Protein backbone atom coordinates (compact mmCIF):
# COMPACT_ATOMS: atom_id res chain seq x y z
CA MET A 1 65.91 58.64 -82.98
CA ARG A 2 63.40 57.98 -85.73
CA PRO A 3 60.47 55.72 -84.77
CA LEU A 4 60.16 52.44 -86.55
CA LEU A 5 57.72 52.50 -89.45
CA ARG A 6 54.91 49.99 -89.28
CA ALA A 7 53.92 48.26 -92.46
CA ARG A 8 50.28 48.71 -93.30
CA PRO A 9 48.39 45.52 -94.10
CA THR A 10 47.53 45.30 -97.75
CA GLY A 11 44.68 42.83 -97.31
CA GLY A 12 41.89 42.47 -94.80
CA GLY A 13 42.33 42.46 -91.06
CA PRO A 14 43.70 39.45 -89.21
CA GLY A 15 40.20 38.12 -88.50
CA ARG A 16 38.70 38.95 -91.88
CA ALA A 17 38.42 36.29 -94.54
CA PRO A 18 39.74 37.24 -98.00
CA ALA A 19 37.08 37.78 -100.62
CA PHE A 20 38.24 34.92 -102.84
CA LEU A 21 37.52 32.54 -99.95
CA ALA A 22 34.38 34.22 -98.66
CA VAL A 23 32.46 33.81 -101.92
CA PRO A 24 32.78 30.01 -102.24
CA ALA A 25 32.27 29.70 -98.47
CA VAL A 26 28.94 31.51 -98.74
CA LEU A 27 27.98 29.34 -101.71
CA ALA A 28 28.83 26.19 -99.74
CA LEU A 29 26.76 27.39 -96.79
CA ALA A 30 23.83 28.17 -99.08
CA PHE A 31 24.17 24.76 -100.71
CA LEU A 32 23.82 23.12 -97.30
CA VAL A 33 21.19 25.37 -95.74
CA LEU A 34 18.81 26.17 -98.60
CA PRO A 35 17.57 22.59 -99.16
CA LEU A 36 16.88 22.28 -95.44
CA ALA A 37 15.10 25.61 -95.41
CA GLY A 38 13.09 24.46 -98.43
CA LEU A 39 11.86 21.47 -96.45
CA VAL A 40 10.63 23.68 -93.63
CA LEU A 41 9.02 26.23 -95.95
CA ARG A 42 7.30 23.67 -98.19
CA ALA A 43 6.03 21.45 -95.38
CA PRO A 44 2.20 21.29 -95.24
CA TRP A 45 1.93 22.65 -91.71
CA ARG A 46 -1.82 23.24 -91.91
CA GLU A 47 -2.40 19.61 -92.84
CA ALA A 48 0.17 18.26 -90.40
CA PRO A 49 -2.30 16.89 -87.80
CA GLU A 50 -4.28 15.11 -90.50
CA LEU A 51 -1.20 13.65 -92.17
CA LEU A 52 0.42 12.56 -88.92
CA ALA A 53 -2.82 10.93 -87.83
CA GLY A 54 -2.77 8.68 -90.87
CA ALA A 55 -2.35 4.99 -90.17
CA GLY A 56 0.78 4.57 -92.26
CA VAL A 57 2.58 7.61 -90.87
CA GLY A 58 1.71 6.77 -87.28
CA GLN A 59 2.89 3.19 -87.69
CA ALA A 60 6.17 4.33 -89.24
CA LEU A 61 6.74 6.82 -86.41
CA ARG A 62 6.08 4.29 -83.69
CA LEU A 63 8.14 1.59 -85.37
CA SER A 64 11.06 3.96 -85.93
CA LEU A 65 11.13 5.04 -82.30
CA LEU A 66 10.87 1.44 -81.11
CA THR A 67 13.52 -0.03 -83.40
CA ALA A 68 15.96 2.86 -82.97
CA SER A 69 15.70 2.54 -79.19
CA ALA A 70 16.13 -1.23 -79.34
CA ALA A 71 19.12 -0.88 -81.68
CA THR A 72 20.68 1.62 -79.26
CA VAL A 73 20.29 -0.86 -76.39
CA VAL A 74 21.98 -3.53 -78.50
CA CYS A 75 24.80 -1.13 -79.34
CA LEU A 76 25.27 -0.20 -75.68
CA LEU A 77 25.47 -3.83 -74.60
CA LEU A 78 27.96 -4.75 -77.32
CA GLY A 79 29.70 -1.46 -78.01
CA ILE A 80 30.87 -0.47 -74.53
CA PRO A 81 32.90 -3.68 -74.01
CA LEU A 82 34.33 -3.34 -77.53
CA ALA A 83 35.29 0.28 -76.90
CA TRP A 84 36.94 -0.75 -73.62
CA LEU A 85 39.07 -3.31 -75.49
CA LEU A 86 40.05 -0.83 -78.20
CA ALA A 87 41.07 1.72 -75.56
CA ARG A 88 43.57 -0.68 -73.94
CA PRO A 89 47.09 0.30 -75.07
CA ASP A 90 48.35 -3.30 -74.75
CA LEU A 91 45.74 -4.79 -77.09
CA PRO A 92 47.51 -6.55 -80.01
CA GLY A 93 46.30 -5.47 -83.44
CA ARG A 94 44.36 -2.53 -82.02
CA SER A 95 44.77 -0.39 -85.14
CA ALA A 96 43.44 -3.15 -87.39
CA LEU A 97 40.50 -3.77 -85.10
CA ARG A 98 39.65 -0.07 -85.00
CA ALA A 99 39.76 0.02 -88.78
CA LEU A 100 37.31 -2.89 -88.94
CA VAL A 101 34.97 -1.11 -86.53
CA THR A 102 34.92 2.01 -88.72
CA VAL A 103 34.17 0.10 -91.94
CA PRO A 104 30.35 0.48 -91.59
CA LEU A 105 30.85 4.25 -91.51
CA VAL A 106 32.12 4.27 -95.10
CA LEU A 107 30.39 1.14 -96.37
CA PRO A 108 27.33 1.80 -98.54
CA PRO A 109 24.32 0.88 -96.39
CA VAL A 110 22.90 -1.34 -99.14
CA VAL A 111 26.11 -3.37 -99.07
CA GLY A 112 25.69 -3.64 -95.31
CA GLY A 113 22.24 -5.12 -95.85
CA VAL A 114 23.61 -7.66 -98.32
CA ALA A 115 26.38 -8.54 -95.86
CA LEU A 116 23.79 -9.16 -93.15
CA PHE A 117 21.99 -11.51 -95.55
CA THR A 118 25.13 -13.60 -96.02
CA VAL A 119 25.39 -14.15 -92.28
CA LEU A 120 21.85 -13.96 -90.89
CA GLY A 121 19.71 -14.89 -93.89
CA ARG A 122 18.00 -18.28 -94.14
CA THR A 123 21.00 -19.62 -96.02
CA GLY A 124 23.56 -17.54 -94.11
CA LEU A 125 26.43 -18.70 -91.95
CA ILE A 126 24.42 -18.23 -88.76
CA GLY A 127 20.95 -17.84 -90.21
CA ARG A 128 20.76 -21.36 -91.68
CA PRO A 129 21.39 -23.30 -88.44
CA LEU A 130 19.19 -20.83 -86.57
CA TYR A 131 16.34 -21.35 -89.03
CA GLU A 132 16.74 -25.13 -88.98
CA LEU A 133 16.65 -25.24 -85.18
CA THR A 134 13.94 -22.67 -84.47
CA GLY A 135 12.18 -21.92 -87.75
CA PHE A 136 12.94 -18.22 -87.24
CA ALA A 137 14.73 -15.98 -89.73
CA PHE A 138 15.76 -12.36 -89.19
CA PRO A 139 15.22 -10.96 -92.73
CA PHE A 140 11.96 -9.11 -93.37
CA THR A 141 11.08 -8.91 -89.67
CA THR A 142 11.09 -6.15 -87.05
CA ALA A 143 14.06 -7.86 -85.44
CA GLY A 144 15.82 -7.57 -88.79
CA VAL A 145 15.22 -3.81 -88.73
CA VAL A 146 16.85 -3.61 -85.30
CA LEU A 147 19.88 -5.58 -86.50
CA ALA A 148 20.27 -3.46 -89.63
CA GLU A 149 20.09 -0.25 -87.63
CA ALA A 150 22.50 -1.57 -85.00
CA PHE A 151 24.99 -2.59 -87.70
CA VAL A 152 25.28 0.92 -89.13
CA ALA A 153 25.00 2.75 -85.78
CA LEU A 154 27.38 0.71 -83.63
CA PRO A 155 30.59 2.46 -84.82
CA PHE A 156 29.27 5.83 -83.63
CA LEU A 157 28.91 4.51 -80.10
CA VAL A 158 32.18 2.60 -80.09
CA LEU A 159 34.27 5.54 -81.31
CA ALA A 160 32.65 7.98 -78.88
CA VAL A 161 33.13 5.70 -75.88
CA GLU A 162 36.65 4.73 -76.92
CA GLY A 163 37.63 8.40 -77.11
CA ALA A 164 36.23 9.00 -73.64
CA LEU A 165 38.06 5.96 -72.26
CA ARG A 166 41.38 7.01 -73.75
CA ALA A 167 40.98 10.50 -72.29
CA ALA A 168 40.04 9.21 -68.82
CA ASP A 169 42.63 9.12 -66.05
CA ARG A 170 43.51 5.46 -65.53
CA ARG A 171 45.05 6.17 -62.14
CA TYR A 172 41.60 5.90 -60.59
CA GLU A 173 41.22 2.38 -61.98
CA GLU A 174 44.69 1.45 -60.74
CA ALA A 175 43.96 2.85 -57.30
CA ALA A 176 40.71 0.88 -57.04
CA ALA A 177 42.47 -2.31 -58.12
CA THR A 178 45.21 -1.68 -55.55
CA LEU A 179 42.55 -1.44 -52.85
CA GLY A 180 41.31 -4.91 -53.76
CA ALA A 181 38.38 -4.16 -56.07
CA SER A 182 37.65 -6.82 -58.69
CA GLN A 183 37.81 -6.03 -62.40
CA TRP A 184 34.01 -5.99 -62.64
CA THR A 185 33.76 -3.62 -59.65
CA VAL A 186 36.39 -1.31 -61.13
CA PHE A 187 34.61 -1.27 -64.47
CA ARG A 188 31.16 -0.70 -62.93
CA ARG A 189 32.04 1.70 -60.13
CA VAL A 190 35.02 3.60 -61.57
CA THR A 191 35.34 3.29 -65.35
CA LEU A 192 31.71 3.76 -66.35
CA PRO A 193 31.15 6.87 -64.18
CA LEU A 194 34.33 8.41 -65.61
CA VAL A 195 33.17 7.98 -69.21
CA ALA A 196 29.44 8.53 -68.65
CA PRO A 197 29.35 11.76 -70.76
CA GLY A 198 31.01 9.93 -73.65
CA VAL A 199 28.60 7.02 -73.33
CA ALA A 200 25.63 9.41 -73.34
CA ALA A 201 26.95 11.26 -76.40
CA GLY A 202 27.61 8.01 -78.24
CA ALA A 203 24.16 6.67 -77.36
CA VAL A 204 22.44 9.79 -78.70
CA LEU A 205 24.45 9.68 -81.92
CA CYS A 206 23.74 5.97 -82.23
CA TRP A 207 20.00 6.49 -81.73
CA ALA A 208 19.86 9.29 -84.29
CA ARG A 209 21.80 7.25 -86.85
CA ALA A 210 19.53 4.26 -86.29
CA LEU A 211 16.44 6.44 -86.65
CA GLY A 212 17.61 7.67 -90.05
CA GLU A 213 18.84 4.35 -91.44
CA PHE A 214 17.47 3.46 -94.89
CA GLY A 215 19.71 1.37 -97.14
CA ALA A 216 20.54 -1.58 -94.91
CA THR A 217 16.98 -1.66 -93.57
CA ILE A 218 15.21 -1.85 -96.93
CA THR A 219 17.73 -4.43 -98.18
CA PHE A 220 17.72 -6.73 -95.17
CA ALA A 221 14.23 -6.15 -93.70
CA GLY A 222 12.14 -4.91 -96.62
CA ASN A 223 9.45 -2.25 -96.60
CA PHE A 224 6.34 -3.73 -95.03
CA PRO A 225 3.95 -1.28 -93.29
CA GLY A 226 3.51 -2.04 -89.62
CA SER A 227 6.45 -4.44 -89.32
CA THR A 228 9.52 -3.09 -91.14
CA GLN A 229 8.52 0.28 -92.62
CA THR A 230 10.39 2.93 -90.64
CA MET A 231 10.21 6.68 -91.16
CA PRO A 232 12.90 6.86 -93.90
CA LEU A 233 11.16 4.05 -95.78
CA ALA A 234 7.81 5.81 -95.37
CA VAL A 235 9.38 8.98 -96.80
CA TYR A 236 10.63 7.00 -99.80
CA GLN A 237 7.26 5.37 -100.41
CA ALA A 238 5.36 8.64 -100.02
CA LEU A 239 7.75 10.42 -102.36
CA GLU A 240 7.30 7.70 -104.97
CA GLY A 241 3.69 8.72 -105.39
CA ALA A 242 1.51 7.82 -102.44
CA ASP A 243 1.57 11.27 -100.79
CA PRO A 244 4.47 13.69 -101.43
CA ARG A 245 3.12 16.02 -98.73
CA ALA A 246 3.61 13.35 -96.10
CA ALA A 247 7.14 12.77 -97.44
CA VAL A 248 8.01 16.42 -96.89
CA LEU A 249 6.47 16.45 -93.41
CA LEU A 250 8.27 13.29 -92.32
CA SER A 251 11.51 14.70 -93.70
CA VAL A 252 11.02 17.78 -91.54
CA LEU A 253 10.48 15.56 -88.50
CA LEU A 254 13.73 13.72 -89.20
CA LEU A 255 15.46 17.07 -89.70
CA GLY A 256 14.13 18.20 -86.33
CA VAL A 257 15.56 15.09 -84.70
CA SER A 258 18.96 15.79 -86.24
CA VAL A 259 18.95 19.39 -85.03
CA ALA A 260 17.87 18.26 -81.56
CA VAL A 261 20.74 15.75 -81.46
CA LEU A 262 23.24 18.45 -82.38
CA GLY A 263 21.78 20.63 -79.66
CA LEU A 264 22.10 17.88 -77.05
CA LEU A 265 25.69 17.20 -78.09
CA ARG A 266 26.69 20.84 -78.39
CA ASP A 267 29.18 20.66 -75.53
CA GLN A 268 30.76 17.58 -77.08
CA TRP A 269 31.54 19.00 -80.50
CA VAL A 270 32.02 22.69 -79.56
CA ASN A 271 34.71 21.87 -77.02
CA ARG A 272 36.65 19.88 -79.63
CA LEU A 273 36.78 22.62 -82.24
């Protein structure tokens, strides 16, 4: 009996990419990596201590860390309850609400800043009565920076926590409720520990997004050194002519933060590929 003939593959092996795909793939990778490598190579490392010690750079660094952390706290306080609601299967209009939550992800940040003005500005829907009662207005203040950063970063936290809540086993919550635990006890002692990795991942993403926010911040809070000028705004001002070397160095610092965030969240995005 003659053995069956095996057809020889005419192209590459099963794990080998065809050449017509490999070439544009390499070009795409170079397009993404080369500008980042250029930042690292062109950074004035020898002058880094002197540049970082400058008053403007130091103020921008401290303000960015402070406002990004404060915005993350705001997002945690507001975003976890919102994610819990979106994760409930019996919530009416859940799809529409989720779509509204994701709007800031695709909305131009400058438009987000204008939208904040219409609500929280001195003549805004909430800003006018607030200003008339207290004499305080959010625009062009450090508090305005926090609000602008929270506005653009909140969806990252909500979507991360919602995904963790939907993947969690609800039988633990049902068992705790059956044993007589109140809703607050179930949420605090059962739900939050179950989704703690998702909350941590969302908080890190939220903090990194807030740290890099530019458009909504400069529109709603302005660019005032010491009060509203964050690192991205300092990069913009330095690049406009004050000190391009500082702009490159600050850009490298922001790049380092982004790489560190990806490293911290490696288990989150690797396991989903």
